[in-house]
Amino acid sequence: MRAMVLEKIGQPLALRDLPKPKPGHGQLLVRVNTCAVCRTDLHIVDGELPNPKLPLILGHQIVGRIEQIGESVDGFATGDRVGIPWLGWTDGQCIYCRSDRENLCDHARLTGYTLDGGYAEFTVADARYCFRLPDELFDVDLAAEAALAEAAVAPLLCAGMLGYRSYWKTGDARRLGIYGFGNAAHLIAQVALYQRKEIFAFTRSGDKAGQDAARSLGAVWAGGSDEMPPEKLDAAIIFAPVGALVPAALRSLAKGGIVVCGGIHMSDIPSFPYVDLWNERVISSVANLTRRDGEEFLKIATRIPVKTKVKTFPLEEANTALEKFRAGKLDGTAVLVI
């Protein structure tokens, strides 16, 4: 099979011809149709996340069809369409798994990081962590501009699901600030607006196009991340990997509000006075996802329906997709079409 392989940190991916993997006990062999590109992929390539599997096939927003089923797998059939997310395996026995916090499992294996992912024609995955993708998800108008339904659905597997976990942590907050109005924010804002929340969008200073896009989506206010919103927020989600946004978001909160850091990596957070945190304000991070998060998000994404915006690339142009993402030259999510 063809695969784009990370062989050394900091180097471009290499197109390689590799043996097609075989499904082991409890696994599915999936023919990859599409795989969305994530900022986490850049963090891995740049060495900002420690100890990846090397050589490594990146990619954890995978849509494909089952080619072969391993032993002891129930509930799937050859040809079924499935989604493969970031969380690829947990031990099921640690204190976190036994307390419904499998996202914190000490021994978790992560797709496209410690397990090979979807920048390839085929991949294997533990069937227990694959999502059945209902036909309704592909029938709705997820993306009028998407070349393929599978390309439109792929971003839901991380930007959507991890974004949904970040959103879930904000609870009943009515006034919600979102810092970094990129792919995840675009999806989660649709969920929040569907649930009648007020969205305050924060972009890079001077990013008029981004602010206009947020307003057109339904944000009640949009401005630079160096600005204060016109009223105090009940919660804020930070999707941009910029630590300096944490104190800024804290200052925008009403008493008892929460700042949720929605990424896997962030630059250092500068010091700030305790008074900014006082009055029971909270800072929380988000780590990985649970299968429950994914199932809940897919249901609501179909009901709304959530719309994605994508730019497709052939598999062999994965490096181009990554560099355009890095440079901020994409108007939508990059998706590899295999």
C-alpha atoms as a PDB file:
ATOM      1  CA  MET A   1       0.000   0.000   0.000  1.00  0.00           C
ATOM      2  CA  ARG A   2       1.034   3.637  -0.439  1.00  0.00           C
ATOM      3  CA  ALA A   3       1.621   5.606   2.723  1.00  0.00           C
ATOM      4  CA  MET A   4       3.075   8.960   3.716  1.00  0.00           C
ATOM      5  CA  VAL A   5       5.526   8.175   6.498  1.00  0.00           C
ATOM      6  CA  LEU A   6       7.197  10.339   9.144  1.00  0.00           C
ATOM      7  CA  GLU A   7      10.644   8.784   9.445  1.00  0.00           C
ATOM      8  CA  LYS A   8      12.416  11.524  11.383  1.00  0.00           C
ATOM      9  CA  ILE A   9      11.125  14.415  13.489  1.00  0.00           C
ATOM     10  CA  GLY A  10      11.289  17.724  11.657  1.00  0.00           C
ATOM     11  CA  GLN A  11      11.547  16.127   8.217  1.00  0.00           C
ATOM     12  CA  PRO A  12       8.939  16.009   5.437  1.00  0.00           C
ATOM     13  CA  LEU A  13       6.846  12.869   5.144  1.00  0.00           C
ATOM     14  CA  ALA A  14       8.126  10.270   2.684  1.00  0.00           C
ATOM     15  CA  LEU A  15       5.915   8.424   0.194  1.00  0.00           C
ATOM     16  CA  ARG A  16       6.552   4.719   0.761  1.00  0.00           C
ATOM     17  CA  ASP A  17       5.205   1.433  -0.561  1.00  0.00           C
ATOM     18  CA  LEU A  18       4.509  -0.710   2.525  1.00  0.00           C
ATOM     19  CA  PRO A  19       2.937  -4.129   3.100  1.00  0.00           C
ATOM     20  CA  LYS A  20      -0.796  -3.976   3.653  1.00  0.00           C
ATOM     21  CA  PRO A  21      -1.431  -4.524   7.384  1.00  0.00           C
ATOM     22  CA  LYS A  22      -3.404  -7.526   8.618  1.00  0.00           C
ATOM     23  CA  PRO A  23      -6.093  -7.228  11.283  1.00  0.00           C
ATOM     24  CA  GLY A  24      -5.202  -8.879  14.563  1.00  0.00           C
ATOM     25  CA  HIS A  25      -7.491 -10.108  17.317  1.00  0.00           C
ATOM     26  CA  GLY A  26     -10.335  -7.599  17.781  1.00  0.00           C
ATOM     27  CA  GLN A  27      -9.201  -5.404  14.919  1.00  0.00           C
ATOM     28  CA  LEU A  28     -10.593  -4.141  11.629  1.00  0.00           C
ATOM     29  CA  LEU A  29      -8.681  -3.625   8.414  1.00  0.00           C
ATOM     30  CA  VAL A  30     -10.042  -0.426   6.904  1.00  0.00           C
ATOM     31  CA  ARG A  31      -9.578   0.875   3.389  1.00  0.00           C
ATOM     32  CA  VAL A  32      -9.047   4.593   3.942  1.00  0.00           C
ATOM     33  CA  ASN A  33     -11.191   6.899   1.817  1.00  0.00           C
ATOM     34  CA  THR A  34     -10.307  10.215   3.465  1.00  0.00           C
ATOM     35  CA  CYS A  35      -8.226  11.474   6.372  1.00  0.00           C
ATOM     36  CA  ALA A  36      -8.398  15.042   7.646  1.00  0.00           C
ATOM     37  CA  VAL A  37      -5.245  16.921   8.632  1.00  0.00           C
ATOM     38  CA  CYS A  38      -5.064  18.188  12.221  1.00  0.00           C
ATOM     39  CA  ARG A  39      -2.867  20.694  14.040  1.00  0.00           C
ATOM     40  CA  THR A  40      -1.790  17.772  16.226  1.00  0.00           C
ATOM     41  CA  ASP A  41      -0.122  16.273  13.143  1.00  0.00           C
ATOM     42  CA  LEU A  42       2.035  19.397  12.936  1.00  0.00           C
ATOM     43  CA  HIS A  43       2.870  19.200  16.636  1.00  0.00           C
ATOM     44  CA  ILE A  44       4.098  15.622  16.088  1.00  0.00           C
ATOM     45  CA  VAL A  45       6.142  16.474  13.001  1.00  0.00           C
ATOM     46  CA  ASP A  46       7.728  19.431  14.809  1.00  0.00           C
ATOM     47  CA  GLY A  47       8.656  17.360  17.866  1.00  0.00           C
ATOM     48  CA  GLU A  48       6.351  19.250  20.220  1.00  0.00           C
ATOM     49  CA  LEU A  49       4.731  15.996  21.392  1.00  0.00           C
ATOM     50  CA  PRO A  50       7.108  13.470  22.979  1.00  0.00           C
ATOM     51  CA  ASN A  51       7.875   9.888  22.014  1.00  0.00           C
ATOM     52  CA  PRO A  52       5.847   9.236  18.863  1.00  0.00           C
ATOM     53  CA  LYS A  53       6.094   5.861  17.187  1.00  0.00           C
ATOM     54  CA  LEU A  54       8.767   6.090  14.463  1.00  0.00           C
ATOM     55  CA  PRO A  55       8.511   5.483  11.619  1.00  0.00           C
ATOM     56  CA  LEU A  56       4.927   6.710  11.863  1.00  0.00           C
ATOM     57  CA  ILE A  57       1.905   7.039   9.601  1.00  0.00           C
ATOM     58  CA  LEU A  58       0.111  10.187  10.778  1.00  0.00           C
ATOM     59  CA  GLY A  59      -3.619  10.852  10.699  1.00  0.00           C
ATOM     60  CA  HIS A  60      -6.458  10.373  13.189  1.00  0.00           C
ATOM     61  CA  GLN A  61      -9.567  11.707  11.420  1.00  0.00           C
ATOM     62  CA  ILE A  62     -10.187   8.684   9.223  1.00  0.00           C
ATOM     63  CA  VAL A  63     -13.227   7.718   7.178  1.00  0.00           C
ATOM     64  CA  GLY A  64     -13.146   4.419   5.354  1.00  0.00           C
ATOM     65  CA  ARG A  65     -14.795   1.068   4.708  1.00  0.00           C
ATOM     66  CA  ILE A  66     -14.079  -2.262   6.369  1.00  0.00           C
ATOM     67  CA  GLU A  67     -11.985  -4.498   4.146  1.00  0.00           C
ATOM     68  CA  GLN A  68     -11.423  -7.392   6.558  1.00  0.00           C
ATOM     69  CA  ILE A  69     -12.533  -8.319  10.075  1.00  0.00           C
ATOM     70  CA  GLY A  70     -10.247  -9.882  12.673  1.00  0.00           C
ATOM     71  CA  GLU A  71     -11.165 -12.566  15.187  1.00  0.00           C
ATOM     72  CA  SER A  72     -13.629 -11.867  18.014  1.00  0.00           C
ATOM     73  CA  VAL A  73     -15.194  -8.792  16.392  1.00  0.00           C
ATOM     74  CA  ASP A  74     -18.970  -8.465  16.549  1.00  0.00           C
ATOM     75  CA  GLY A  75     -21.342  -5.867  15.166  1.00  0.00           C
ATOM     76  CA  PHE A  76     -19.416  -4.986  12.009  1.00  0.00           C
ATOM     77  CA  ALA A  77     -19.619  -6.286   8.458  1.00  0.00           C
ATOM     78  CA  THR A  78     -17.288  -6.050   5.490  1.00  0.00           C
ATOM     79  CA  GLY A  79     -18.080  -2.869   3.572  1.00  0.00           C
ATOM     80  CA  ASP A  80     -19.402  -0.952   6.587  1.00  0.00           C
ATOM     81  CA  ARG A  81     -18.357   2.684   6.697  1.00  0.00           C
ATOM     82  CA  VAL A  82     -16.495   3.589   9.891  1.00  0.00           C
ATOM     83  CA  GLY A  83     -14.665   6.497  11.469  1.00  0.00           C
ATOM     84  CA  ILE A  84     -11.377   6.082  13.313  1.00  0.00           C
ATOM     85  CA  PRO A  85     -10.544   8.789  15.895  1.00  0.00           C
ATOM     86  CA  TRP A  86      -7.547   9.837  18.001  1.00  0.00           C
ATOM     87  CA  LEU A  87      -8.240   7.448  20.907  1.00  0.00           C
ATOM     88  CA  GLY A  88      -7.230   4.066  19.558  1.00  0.00           C
ATOM     89  CA  TRP A  89      -6.948   1.793  22.617  1.00  0.00           C
ATOM     90  CA  THR A  90      -7.114   1.851  26.409  1.00  0.00           C
ATOM     91  CA  ASP A  91      -6.318  -0.849  28.949  1.00  0.00           C
ATOM     92  CA  GLY A  92      -9.807  -0.861  30.505  1.00  0.00           C
ATOM     93  CA  GLN A  93      -8.333  -1.644  33.922  1.00  0.00           C
ATOM     94  CA  CYS A  94      -6.655   1.485  35.303  1.00  0.00           C
ATOM     95  CA  ILE A  95      -8.354   3.815  37.769  1.00  0.00           C
ATOM     96  CA  TYR A  96      -9.278   6.205  34.966  1.00  0.00           C
ATOM     97  CA  CYS A  97     -10.864   3.576  32.735  1.00  0.00           C
ATOM     98  CA  ARG A  98     -12.798   2.172  35.693  1.00  0.00           C
ATOM     99  CA  SER A  99     -14.191   5.604  36.540  1.00  0.00           C
ATOM    100  CA  ASP A 100     -15.507   6.529  33.060  1.00  0.00           C
ATOM    101  CA  ARG A 101     -12.395   8.599  32.258  1.00  0.00           C
ATOM    102  CA  GLU A 102     -10.826   6.439  29.584  1.00  0.00           C
ATOM    103  CA  ASN A 103      -9.471   9.582  27.919  1.00  0.00           C
ATOM    104  CA  LEU A 104      -6.939   9.774  30.779  1.00  0.00           C
ATOM    105  CA  CYS A 105      -5.810   6.128  30.591  1.00  0.00           C
ATOM    106  CA  ASP A 106      -2.122   5.880  31.526  1.00  0.00           C
ATOM    107  CA  HIS A 107      -1.524   3.316  28.784  1.00  0.00           C
ATOM    108  CA  ALA A 108      -3.721   4.768  26.025  1.00  0.00           C
ATOM    109  CA  ARG A 109      -2.623   4.277  22.436  1.00  0.00           C
ATOM    110  CA  LEU A 110      -3.372   7.122  20.074  1.00  0.00           C
ATOM    111  CA  THR A 111      -4.054   6.912  16.361  1.00  0.00           C
ATOM    112  CA  GLY A 112      -1.462   8.641  14.203  1.00  0.00           C
ATOM    113  CA  TYR A 113       0.856   9.120  17.197  1.00  0.00           C
ATOM    114  CA  THR A 114       1.610   5.862  19.002  1.00  0.00           C
ATOM    115  CA  LEU A 115      -0.386   3.819  16.470  1.00  0.00           C
ATOM    116  CA  ASP A 116      -0.183   4.126  12.690  1.00  0.00           C
ATOM    117  CA  GLY A 117      -2.949   6.285  11.282  1.00  0.00           C
ATOM    118  CA  GLY A 118      -4.716   7.243   8.088  1.00  0.00           C
ATOM    119  CA  TYR A 119      -2.168   8.893   5.782  1.00  0.00           C
ATOM    120  CA  ALA A 120      -2.233   5.592   3.889  1.00  0.00           C
ATOM    121  CA  GLU A 121      -4.420   3.418   1.702  1.00  0.00           C
ATOM    122  CA  PHE A 122      -5.160   1.006   4.562  1.00  0.00           C
ATOM    123  CA  THR A 123      -5.017   1.005   8.335  1.00  0.00           C
ATOM    124  CA  VAL A 124      -5.913  -1.370  11.160  1.00  0.00           C
ATOM    125  CA  ALA A 125      -7.809  -0.283  14.245  1.00  0.00           C
ATOM    126  CA  ASP A 126      -9.304  -1.785  17.385  1.00  0.00           C
ATOM    127  CA  ALA A 127     -12.961  -2.334  16.520  1.00  0.00           C
ATOM    128  CA  ARG A 128     -14.076  -1.148  19.977  1.00  0.00           C
ATOM    129  CA  TYR A 129     -12.795   2.353  19.251  1.00  0.00           C
ATOM    130  CA  CYS A 130     -14.178   2.697  15.738  1.00  0.00           C
ATOM    131  CA  PHE A 131     -17.375   4.654  15.205  1.00  0.00           C
ATOM    132  CA  ARG A 132     -20.136   3.390  13.001  1.00  0.00           C
ATOM    133  CA  LEU A 133     -20.955   6.249  10.646  1.00  0.00           C
ATOM    134  CA  PRO A 134     -24.693   6.276   9.889  1.00  0.00           C
ATOM    135  CA  ASP A 135     -25.863   6.865   6.358  1.00  0.00           C
ATOM    136  CA  GLU A 136     -27.757   9.957   7.557  1.00  0.00           C
ATOM    137  CA  LEU A 137     -24.437  11.626   8.276  1.00  0.00           C
ATOM    138  CA  PHE A 138     -23.594  11.444   4.588  1.00  0.00           C
ATOM    139  CA  ASP A 139     -27.054  12.364   3.332  1.00  0.00           C
ATOM    140  CA  VAL A 140     -27.154  15.794   4.950  1.00  0.00           C
ATOM    141  CA  ASP A 141     -25.504  18.831   3.395  1.00  0.00           C
ATOM    142  CA  LEU A 142     -22.369  18.725   5.501  1.00  0.00           C
ATOM    143  CA  ALA A 143     -20.395  20.711   2.993  1.00  0.00           C
ATOM    144  CA  ALA A 144     -21.780  22.138  -0.187  1.00  0.00           C
ATOM    145  CA  GLU A 145     -18.237  22.659  -1.456  1.00  0.00           C
ATOM    146  CA  ALA A 146     -16.860  19.226  -0.489  1.00  0.00           C
ATOM    147  CA  ALA A 147     -15.874  16.986  -3.394  1.00  0.00           C
ATOM    148  CA  LEU A 148     -16.836  13.876  -1.471  1.00  0.00           C
ATOM    149  CA  ALA A 149     -19.160  13.183   1.435  1.00  0.00           C
ATOM    150  CA  GLU A 150     -16.333  11.287   3.132  1.00  0.00           C
ATOM    151  CA  ALA A 151     -14.135  14.387   2.940  1.00  0.00           C
ATOM    152  CA  ALA A 152     -16.837  16.463   4.610  1.00  0.00           C
ATOM    153  CA  VAL A 153     -17.264  13.978   7.453  1.00  0.00           C
ATOM    154  CA  ALA A 154     -13.561  13.430   8.248  1.00  0.00           C
ATOM    155  CA  PRO A 155     -13.073  16.642  10.313  1.00  0.00           C
ATOM    156  CA  LEU A 156     -15.831  15.540  12.663  1.00  0.00           C
ATOM    157  CA  LEU A 157     -13.538  12.786  13.976  1.00  0.00           C
ATOM    158  CA  CYS A 158     -11.245  15.208  15.856  1.00  0.00           C
ATOM    159  CA  ALA A 159     -11.986  18.904  15.348  1.00  0.00           C
ATOM    160  CA  GLY A 160     -15.602  17.998  16.020  1.00  0.00           C
ATOM    161  CA  MET A 161     -15.244  15.401  18.769  1.00  0.00           C
ATOM    162  CA  LEU A 162     -12.430  17.060  20.724  1.00  0.00           C
ATOM    163  CA  GLY A 163     -14.119  20.406  20.242  1.00  0.00           C
ATOM    164  CA  TYR A 164     -17.320  18.896  21.578  1.00  0.00           C
ATOM    165  CA  ARG A 165     -15.551  17.705  24.722  1.00  0.00           C
ATOM    166  CA  SER A 166     -14.219  21.236  25.230  1.00  0.00           C
ATOM    167  CA  TYR A 167     -17.714  22.613  24.750  1.00  0.00           C
ATOM    168  CA  TRP A 168     -19.210  20.026  27.112  1.00  0.00           C
ATOM    169  CA  LYS A 169     -16.900  21.301  29.855  1.00  0.00           C
ATOM    170  CA  THR A 170     -18.478  24.764  29.643  1.00  0.00           C
ATOM    171  CA  GLY A 171     -21.739  23.353  31.004  1.00  0.00           C
ATOM    172  CA  ASP A 172     -24.702  25.726  30.953  1.00  0.00           C
ATOM    173  CA  ALA A 173     -22.690  28.814  30.025  1.00  0.00           C
ATOM    174  CA  ARG A 174     -24.880  31.167  27.982  1.00  0.00           C
ATOM    175  CA  ARG A 175     -22.233  33.676  26.837  1.00  0.00           C
ATOM    176  CA  LEU A 176     -19.410  31.648  25.287  1.00  0.00           C
ATOM    177  CA  GLY A 177     -16.118  33.077  24.064  1.00  0.00           C
ATOM    178  CA  ILE A 178     -14.063  31.159  21.495  1.00  0.00           C
ATOM    179  CA  TYR A 179     -10.397  32.088  21.027  1.00  0.00           C
ATOM    180  CA  GLY A 180      -8.930  30.905  17.735  1.00  0.00           C
ATOM    181  CA  PHE A 181     -11.757  30.704  15.235  1.00  0.00           C
ATOM    182  CA  GLY A 182     -10.442  27.825  13.113  1.00  0.00           C
ATOM    183  CA  ASN A 183     -11.738  24.385  12.205  1.00  0.00           C
ATOM    184  CA  ALA A 184     -12.825  23.201  15.658  1.00  0.00           C
ATOM    185  CA  ALA A 185     -14.381  26.562  16.507  1.00  0.00           C
ATOM    186  CA  HIS A 186     -16.341  26.586  13.242  1.00  0.00           C
ATOM    187  CA  LEU A 187     -17.903  23.212  14.116  1.00  0.00           C
ATOM    188  CA  ILE A 188     -18.549  23.798  17.798  1.00  0.00           C
ATOM    189  CA  ALA A 189     -20.007  27.262  17.247  1.00  0.00           C
ATOM    190  CA  GLN A 190     -22.720  25.574  15.182  1.00  0.00           C
ATOM    191  CA  VAL A 191     -23.549  23.271  18.104  1.00  0.00           C
ATOM    192  CA  ALA A 192     -23.584  26.171  20.571  1.00  0.00           C
ATOM    193  CA  LEU A 193     -25.801  28.311  18.334  1.00  0.00           C
ATOM    194  CA  TYR A 194     -28.166  25.369  17.844  1.00  0.00           C
ATOM    195  CA  GLN A 195     -28.461  25.257  21.636  1.00  0.00           C
ATOM    196  CA  ARG A 196     -29.149  29.018  21.725  1.00  0.00           C
ATOM    197  CA  LYS A 197     -25.854  30.125  23.221  1.00  0.00           C
ATOM    198  CA  GLU A 198     -24.329  33.531  22.450  1.00  0.00           C
ATOM    199  CA  ILE A 199     -20.958  33.296  20.695  1.00  0.00           C
ATOM    200  CA  PHE A 200     -18.174  35.864  21.128  1.00  0.00           C
ATOM    201  CA  ALA A 201     -15.411  35.112  18.604  1.00  0.00           C
ATOM    202  CA  PHE A 202     -11.775  36.114  19.115  1.00  0.00           C
ATOM    203  CA  THR A 203      -9.341  36.009  16.188  1.00  0.00           C
ATOM    204  CA  ARG A 204      -5.842  37.299  15.517  1.00  0.00           C
ATOM    205  CA  SER A 205      -5.737  41.071  15.812  1.00  0.00           C
ATOM    206  CA  GLY A 206      -6.743  42.608  12.487  1.00  0.00           C
ATOM    207  CA  ASP A 207      -8.185  39.388  11.017  1.00  0.00           C
ATOM    208  CA  LYS A 208     -11.230  41.072   9.530  1.00  0.00           C
ATOM    209  CA  ALA A 209     -12.032  38.122   7.270  1.00  0.00           C
ATOM    210  CA  GLY A 210     -12.071  35.725  10.201  1.00  0.00           C
ATOM    211  CA  GLN A 211     -14.234  38.079  12.235  1.00  0.00           C
ATOM    212  CA  ASP A 212     -16.659  38.538   9.358  1.00  0.00           C
ATOM    213  CA  ALA A 213     -16.873  34.754   8.966  1.00  0.00           C
ATOM    214  CA  ALA A 214     -17.679  34.361  12.655  1.00  0.00           C
ATOM    215  CA  ARG A 215     -20.423  36.977  12.458  1.00  0.00           C
ATOM    216  CA  SER A 216     -21.895  35.367   9.350  1.00  0.00           C
ATOM    217  CA  LEU A 217     -22.042  32.081  11.235  1.00  0.00           C
ATOM    218  CA  GLY A 218     -24.043  33.770  13.987  1.00  0.00           C
ATOM    219  CA  ALA A 219     -21.586  35.232  16.518  1.00  0.00           C
ATOM    220  CA  VAL A 220     -23.054  38.195  18.386  1.00  0.00           C
ATOM    221  CA  TRP A 221     -19.601  39.810  18.560  1.00  0.00           C
ATOM    222  CA  ALA A 222     -16.219  39.263  16.908  1.00  0.00           C
ATOM    223  CA  GLY A 223     -12.923  40.981  17.572  1.00  0.00           C
ATOM    224  CA  GLY A 224      -9.213  40.551  18.149  1.00  0.00           C
ATOM    225  CA  SER A 225      -7.858  38.368  20.928  1.00  0.00           C
ATOM    226  CA  ASP A 226      -6.328  41.520  22.426  1.00  0.00           C
ATOM    227  CA  GLU A 227      -9.780  43.083  22.867  1.00  0.00           C
ATOM    228  CA  MET A 228     -12.294  42.756  25.692  1.00  0.00           C
ATOM    229  CA  PRO A 229     -15.815  41.596  24.793  1.00  0.00           C
ATOM    230  CA  PRO A 230     -18.677  44.026  25.347  1.00  0.00           C
ATOM    231  CA  GLU A 231     -19.927  41.963  28.288  1.00  0.00           C
ATOM    232  CA  LYS A 232     -18.437  39.399  30.662  1.00  0.00           C
ATOM    233  CA  LEU A 233     -18.419  35.793  29.488  1.00  0.00           C
ATOM    234  CA  ASP A 234     -19.707  32.733  31.324  1.00  0.00           C
ATOM    235  CA  ALA A 235     -17.067  30.536  29.682  1.00  0.00           C
ATOM    236  CA  ALA A 236     -14.293  30.652  27.107  1.00  0.00           C
ATOM    237  CA  ILE A 237     -12.720  27.930  24.974  1.00  0.00           C
ATOM    238  CA  ILE A 238      -9.182  28.439  23.677  1.00  0.00           C
ATOM    239  CA  PHE A 239      -8.463  26.465  20.511  1.00  0.00           C
ATOM    240  CA  ALA A 240      -5.380  28.453  19.478  1.00  0.00           C
ATOM    241  CA  PRO A 241      -2.141  26.924  20.913  1.00  0.00           C
ATOM    242  CA  VAL A 242      -1.126  30.266  22.443  1.00  0.00           C
ATOM    243  CA  GLY A 243      -0.557  30.318  26.192  1.00  0.00           C
ATOM    244  CA  ALA A 244      -0.833  34.118  26.412  1.00  0.00           C
ATOM    245  CA  LEU A 245      -4.546  33.774  25.631  1.00  0.00           C
ATOM    246  CA  VAL A 246      -5.227  32.122  29.000  1.00  0.00           C
ATOM    247  CA  PRO A 247      -4.791  35.297  31.101  1.00  0.00           C
ATOM    248  CA  ALA A 248      -6.650  37.273  28.438  1.00  0.00           C
ATOM    249  CA  ALA A 249      -9.569  34.851  28.558  1.00  0.00           C
ATOM    250  CA  LEU A 250      -9.604  34.886  32.361  1.00  0.00           C
ATOM    251  CA  ARG A 251      -9.963  38.664  32.354  1.00  0.00           C
ATOM    252  CA  SER A 252     -12.998  38.362  30.088  1.00  0.00           C
ATOM    253  CA  LEU A 253     -14.853  36.008  32.456  1.00  0.00           C
ATOM    254  CA  ALA A 254     -17.663  36.731  34.854  1.00  0.00           C
ATOM    255  CA  LYS A 255     -17.397  35.346  38.385  1.00  0.00           C
ATOM    256  CA  GLY A 256     -17.475  31.550  38.459  1.00  0.00           C
ATOM    257  CA  GLY A 257     -16.586  31.282  34.759  1.00  0.00           C
ATOM    258  CA  ILE A 258     -14.334  28.677  33.190  1.00  0.00           C
ATOM    259  CA  VAL A 259     -11.532  28.822  30.629  1.00  0.00           C
ATOM    260  CA  VAL A 260     -11.172  25.551  28.702  1.00  0.00           C
ATOM    261  CA  CYS A 261      -7.894  24.918  26.873  1.00  0.00           C
ATOM    262  CA  GLY A 262      -8.967  22.717  23.996  1.00  0.00           C
ATOM    263  CA  GLY A 263      -5.644  21.685  22.454  1.00  0.00           C
ATOM    264  CA  ILE A 264      -3.054  18.987  23.075  1.00  0.00           C
ATOM    265  CA  HIS A 265      -0.164  21.474  23.038  1.00  0.00           C
ATOM    266  CA  MET A 266       0.130  25.121  23.987  1.00  0.00           C
ATOM    267  CA  SER A 267       2.969  27.597  24.378  1.00  0.00           C
ATOM    268  CA  ASP A 268       3.885  28.595  27.929  1.00  0.00           C
ATOM    269  CA  ILE A 269       1.262  30.474  29.897  1.00  0.00           C
ATOM    270  CA  PRO A 270       2.638  33.776  31.241  1.00  0.00           C
ATOM    271  CA  SER A 271       2.167  34.708  34.880  1.00  0.00           C
ATOM    272  CA  PHE A 272      -0.908  36.681  35.875  1.00  0.00           C
ATOM    273  CA  PRO A 273      -2.220  38.201  39.123  1.00  0.00           C
ATOM    274  CA  TYR A 274      -4.285  35.966  41.368  1.00  0.00           C
ATOM    275  CA  VAL A 275      -7.147  38.447  41.260  1.00  0.00           C
ATOM    276  CA  ASP A 276      -7.794  37.402  37.640  1.00  0.00           C
ATOM    277  CA  LEU A 277      -8.478  33.839  38.847  1.00  0.00           C
ATOM    278  CA  TRP A 278     -10.262  34.789  42.061  1.00  0.00           C
ATOM    279  CA  ASN A 279     -14.029  34.637  42.495  1.00  0.00           C
ATOM    280  CA  GLU A 280     -14.042  30.919  41.652  1.00  0.00           C
ATOM    281  CA  ARG A 281     -12.922  31.218  38.081  1.00  0.00           C
ATOM    282  CA  VAL A 282     -11.515  27.943  36.719  1.00  0.00           C
ATOM    283  CA  ILE A 283      -8.904  26.892  34.145  1.00  0.00           C
ATOM    284  CA  SER A 284      -9.281  23.405  32.658  1.00  0.00           C
ATOM    285  CA  SER A 285      -7.509  21.459  29.953  1.00  0.00           C
ATOM    286  CA  VAL A 286      -9.016  18.824  27.679  1.00  0.00           C
ATOM    287  CA  ALA A 287      -7.229  15.537  27.057  1.00  0.00           C
ATOM    288  CA  ASN A 288      -8.204  13.195  24.244  1.00  0.00           C
ATOM    289  CA  LEU A 289     -11.835  12.050  24.119  1.00  0.00           C
ATOM    290  CA  THR A 290     -14.057   9.258  25.342  1.00  0.00           C
ATOM    291  CA  ARG A 291     -16.129   7.069  23.093  1.00  0.00           C
ATOM    292  CA  ARG A 292     -19.212   8.606  24.696  1.00  0.00           C
ATOM    293  CA  ASP A 293     -18.067  12.064  23.534  1.00  0.00           C
ATOM    294  CA  GLY A 294     -17.831  10.820  19.973  1.00  0.00           C
ATOM    295  CA  GLU A 295     -21.188   9.079  19.993  1.00  0.00           C
ATOM    296  CA  GLU A 296     -22.957  12.134  21.444  1.00  0.00           C
ATOM    297  CA  PHE A 297     -21.328  14.476  18.960  1.00  0.00           C
ATOM    298  CA  LEU A 298     -22.179  12.360  15.909  1.00  0.00           C
ATOM    299  CA  LYS A 299     -25.829  12.319  16.967  1.00  0.00           C
ATOM    300  CA  ILE A 300     -26.078  16.063  17.381  1.00  0.00           C
ATOM    301  CA  ALA A 301     -23.984  16.749  14.252  1.00  0.00           C
ATOM    302  CA  THR A 302     -26.538  14.829  12.210  1.00  0.00           C
ATOM    303  CA  ARG A 303     -29.470  16.564  13.868  1.00  0.00           C
ATOM    304  CA  ILE A 304     -28.275  20.168  13.361  1.00  0.00           C
ATOM    305  CA  PRO A 305     -26.760  19.361  10.732  1.00  0.00           C
ATOM    306  CA  VAL A 306     -23.193  20.566  11.217  1.00  0.00           C
ATOM    307  CA  LYS A 307     -21.541  21.923   8.073  1.00  0.00           C
ATOM    308  CA  THR A 308     -17.843  21.521   7.393  1.00  0.00           C
ATOM    309  CA  LYS A 309     -15.641  23.338   4.937  1.00  0.00           C
ATOM    310  CA  VAL A 310     -12.754  21.409   3.428  1.00  0.00           C
ATOM    311  CA  LYS A 311      -9.928  21.583   0.919  1.00  0.00           C
ATOM    312  CA  THR A 312      -8.974  18.207  -0.540  1.00  0.00           C
ATOM    313  CA  PHE A 313      -5.494  16.966  -1.429  1.00  0.00           C
ATOM    314  CA  PRO A 314      -4.322  13.646  -2.891  1.00  0.00           C
ATOM    315  CA  LEU A 315      -2.387  11.420  -0.477  1.00  0.00           C
ATOM    316  CA  GLU A 316       0.987  12.176  -2.048  1.00  0.00           C
ATOM    317  CA  GLU A 317       0.476  15.912  -1.387  1.00  0.00           C
ATOM    318  CA  ALA A 318       0.265  15.462   2.387  1.00  0.00           C
ATOM    319  CA  ASN A 319       3.363  17.636   2.897  1.00  0.00           C
ATOM    320  CA  THR A 320       1.757  20.434   0.902  1.00  0.00           C
ATOM    321  CA  ALA A 321      -1.404  20.171   3.007  1.00  0.00           C
ATOM    322  CA  LEU A 322       0.624  20.323   6.231  1.00  0.00           C
ATOM    323  CA  GLU A 323       2.629  23.344   5.115  1.00  0.00           C
ATOM    324  CA  LYS A 324      -0.449  25.237   3.949  1.00  0.00           C
ATOM    325  CA  PHE A 325      -2.020  24.502   7.329  1.00  0.00           C
ATOM    326  CA  ARG A 326       1.109  25.715   9.113  1.00  0.00           C
ATOM    327  CA  ALA A 327       1.158  28.937   7.086  1.00  0.00           C
ATOM    328  CA  GLY A 328      -2.530  29.659   7.635  1.00  0.00           C
ATOM    329  CA  LYS A 329      -3.243  29.459   3.915  1.00  0.00           C
ATOM    330  CA  LEU A 330      -6.262  27.179   4.109  1.00  0.00           C
ATOM    331  CA  ASP A 331      -9.856  28.335   4.079  1.00  0.00           C
ATOM    332  CA  GLY A 332     -11.199  25.176   5.692  1.00  0.00           C
ATOM    333  CA  THR A 333      -9.884  21.798   6.832  1.00  0.00           C
ATOM    334  CA  ALA A 334      -7.285  20.019   4.703  1.00  0.00           C
ATOM    335  CA  VAL A 335      -8.455  16.498   3.887  1.00  0.00           C
ATOM    336  CA  LEU A 336      -6.420  13.816   2.143  1.00  0.00           C
ATOM    337  CA  VAL A 337      -8.393  11.815  -0.405  1.00  0.00           C
ATOM    338  CA  ILE A 338      -6.950   8.367  -0.931  1.00  0.00           C
END
